[in-house]
Protein backbone atom coordinates (compact mmCIF):
# COMPACT_ATOMS: atom_id res chain seq x y z
CA MET A 1 24.48 11.66 -5.79
CA GLN A 2 26.25 11.09 -2.32
CA ALA A 3 23.06 10.96 -0.31
CA ARG A 4 19.46 10.22 -0.85
CA PHE A 5 16.59 11.38 1.81
CA ILE A 6 14.68 8.37 3.28
CA HIS A 7 12.50 9.61 6.14
CA LYS A 8 12.67 12.02 9.04
CA GLY A 9 14.42 9.31 11.57
CA LEU A 10 11.60 9.29 13.99
CA LEU A 11 11.38 5.53 13.90
CA ILE A 12 13.95 2.89 12.80
CA ASP A 13 13.23 -0.95 11.72
CA TYR A 14 14.16 -3.51 14.32
CA THR A 15 13.46 -7.16 13.95
CA PRO A 16 14.23 -8.74 17.59
CA SER A 17 15.25 -12.35 18.24
CA SER A 18 12.87 -12.69 20.91
CA ALA A 19 9.29 -10.70 21.44
CA VAL A 20 9.26 -7.36 22.60
CA SER A 21 6.48 -5.65 24.31
CA ALA A 22 5.61 -2.03 23.50
CA GLY A 23 7.10 0.24 25.86
CA THR A 24 10.31 -1.50 26.59
CA PRO A 25 13.42 0.42 26.06
CA ILE A 26 16.02 -1.25 23.58
CA SER A 27 19.51 -0.45 23.11
CA GLN A 28 21.30 -1.30 19.65
CA ASN A 29 25.12 -0.52 20.62
CA GLY A 30 23.76 2.45 22.53
CA TYR A 31 21.51 3.54 20.33
CA VAL A 32 17.91 3.72 22.33
CA GLY A 33 14.44 2.97 21.08
CA ILE A 34 11.17 2.36 22.34
CA PRO A 35 8.53 0.21 20.36
CA SER A 36 5.07 1.65 20.60
CA LEU A 37 3.60 -1.91 19.53
CA ASP A 38 4.39 -5.26 20.53
CA ILE A 39 6.81 -6.95 18.05
CA ALA A 40 6.93 -10.83 17.63
CA ALA A 41 10.25 -12.63 17.61
CA ASP A 42 12.09 -12.41 14.05
CA ALA A 43 9.20 -9.98 12.84
CA LEU A 44 10.07 -6.67 11.51
CA GLY A 45 8.82 -3.74 13.83
CA ALA A 46 9.79 -0.10 14.61
CA LEU A 47 11.64 1.91 17.35
CA ALA A 48 10.73 5.39 18.22
CA VAL A 49 14.38 6.80 18.50
CA THR A 50 13.33 10.51 19.10
CA GLY A 51 10.65 12.04 21.07
CA VAL A 52 9.60 12.44 24.79
CA PHE A 53 8.48 9.29 27.03
CA ASP A 54 7.28 8.73 30.56
CA ILE A 55 9.55 6.16 31.66
CA VAL A 56 8.99 4.22 35.08
CA LYS A 57 11.99 5.16 37.48
CA VAL A 58 13.35 4.05 40.55
CA SER A 59 12.87 5.71 43.80
CA GLY A 60 14.71 9.31 43.74
CA ALA A 61 14.41 12.91 42.69
CA LEU A 62 15.08 13.95 39.38
CA ALA A 63 15.93 17.52 37.95
CA ILE A 64 15.82 18.72 34.46
CA GLY A 65 18.67 18.25 32.81
CA ASP A 66 19.62 14.84 34.66
CA ILE A 67 20.72 12.03 32.15
CA VAL A 68 19.23 8.60 32.96
CA GLY A 69 19.81 5.30 31.87
CA TRP A 70 17.77 2.09 32.01
CA ASP A 71 18.40 -0.70 34.75
CA ASN A 72 17.14 -4.08 33.24
CA ASP A 73 16.69 -5.09 36.95
CA GLY A 74 15.74 -1.95 38.40
CA ASP A 75 13.02 -1.34 40.63
CA PRO A 76 10.23 0.96 39.59
CA VAL A 77 8.05 3.09 42.19
CA GLY A 78 4.89 1.49 42.49
CA GLY A 79 5.63 -1.38 40.42
CA THR A 80 7.05 -4.81 40.20
CA ALA A 81 10.47 -5.08 41.61
CA GLY A 82 13.05 -6.15 39.20
CA THR A 83 11.14 -5.43 36.05
CA GLY A 84 13.30 -2.59 34.91
CA ALA A 85 13.23 1.07 35.56
CA ALA A 86 15.22 4.46 34.47
CA THR A 87 17.92 5.25 37.05
CA LYS A 88 20.03 8.47 37.38
CA THR A 89 22.80 6.19 38.69
CA LEU A 90 24.37 5.40 35.66
CA SER A 91 26.64 2.79 37.07
CA ASP A 92 23.39 0.95 37.75
CA ALA A 93 22.14 1.31 33.99
CA ASP A 94 22.37 -1.25 31.33
CA PHE A 95 22.49 1.63 28.75
CA VAL A 96 21.73 5.34 28.71
CA LEU A 97 18.44 6.71 27.61
CA GLY A 98 18.51 10.35 27.59
CA THR A 99 17.91 13.55 29.37
CA VAL A 100 15.17 14.29 31.89
CA ILE A 101 13.33 17.20 30.93
CA ALA A 102 10.56 17.43 33.93
CA THR A 103 11.26 17.61 37.50
CA ALA A 104 10.29 14.14 38.90
CA LEU A 105 9.75 13.91 42.77
CA GLU A 106 11.37 11.06 44.97
CA THR A 107 8.31 9.20 45.19
CA GLY A 108 7.09 10.16 41.55
CA THR A 109 6.50 6.99 39.28
CA VAL A 110 7.79 7.96 35.91
CA ALA A 111 10.74 10.23 34.45
CA ARG A 112 10.12 12.23 31.44
CA VAL A 113 12.87 11.61 29.19
CA GLN A 114 13.84 12.90 25.75
CA LEU A 115 15.46 9.96 24.24
CA ASN A 116 18.90 10.17 22.68
CA GLN A 117 19.51 13.84 23.66
CA PHE A 118 22.39 14.79 25.94
CA PRO A 119 23.27 18.29 26.40
CA GLY A 120 27.38 18.33 26.12
CA SER A 121 28.15 19.73 29.83
CA LYS A 122 25.75 17.37 31.45
CA ILE A 123 27.35 14.44 29.49
CA LEU A 124 30.60 15.37 30.93
CA GLU A 125 29.36 15.67 34.32
CA SER A 126 27.65 12.38 34.23
CA PHE A 127 30.73 10.75 32.93
CA PRO A 128 33.83 12.63 34.70
CA ALA A 129 36.19 9.93 33.27
CA ILE A 130 35.49 10.97 29.78
CA ALA A 131 36.62 14.55 30.64
CA ALA A 132 39.59 13.04 31.91
CA ILE A 133 40.51 11.03 29.17
CA ALA A 134 41.73 14.15 27.02
CA ASP A 135 44.60 14.62 29.71
CA LEU A 136 45.55 11.28 29.86
CA ASP A 137 48.04 10.40 27.34
CA GLN A 138 50.12 13.80 28.36
CA THR A 139 49.76 12.53 31.85
CA ILE A 140 50.96 9.13 31.21
CA SER A 141 53.71 9.73 28.77
CA ALA A 142 55.30 12.05 31.35
CA THR A 143 55.11 9.78 34.50
CA TYR A 144 55.67 6.19 33.38
CA ASP A 145 58.02 4.10 31.10
CA GLN A 146 56.78 2.28 27.95
CA ALA A 147 56.03 -1.19 29.78
CA GLU A 148 54.03 0.87 32.44
CA VAL A 149 51.90 3.04 29.61
CA GLN A 150 51.31 -0.42 27.32
CA ALA A 151 49.52 -1.84 30.87
CA ILE A 152 47.90 1.39 31.43
CA SER A 153 46.72 1.42 27.94
CA ASP A 154 45.48 -1.98 28.08
CA LYS A 155 43.37 -1.32 31.27
CA VAL A 156 41.83 1.54 29.63
CA ASP A 157 40.79 -0.29 26.25
CA ALA A 158 39.35 -2.90 28.70
CA ILE A 159 37.25 -0.11 30.49
CA LEU A 160 36.21 1.33 27.15
CA ALA A 161 35.45 -2.15 26.08
CA ALA A 162 33.06 -2.67 29.13
CA LEU A 163 31.50 0.78 28.56
CA ARG A 164 30.86 0.00 24.82
CA SER A 165 29.34 -3.37 25.83
CA ALA A 166 26.86 -1.82 28.38
CA GLY A 167 25.68 0.58 26.06
CA ILE A 168 27.01 3.58 27.73
CA ILE A 169 29.17 4.51 24.73
CA ALA A 170 29.00 3.96 21.17
CA THR A 171 30.88 1.33 19.48
CA ALA A 172 34.13 2.80 17.94
């Protein structure tokens, strides 16, 4: 037998090094989960990794299909500044949460988000650099000498490492 069914994957085990409050979005190398109960430091708990959540958000309207991330220092509408919030501005996000499934008004306090779900075309629109990477090799090889190609390659590797570190893309 090459595989054995364990469970439906609605929840995954999680043991935090410091206490985590229920409802706090958590990223593990870009894979997002939210605990439904408080989890004590060094204690086994569970994170929901699928499903739909109402998540506090920063100011700004959201449309169905928008991809949102979690900004650990975000200012939630009607909440305490700097306590974290969902944002459509992915450059402000510490990691990506999922896709908005209900319109949220500019002054709305929550975004209704389906965790870890990303429509294919929307993810490319949200990260135009990803779409451009496919053509990068051909463009570089035709335009630059080997030393310049290596320098560009090193810069791309650094960018990818930063995106992985931020939880925006998965670890290679």
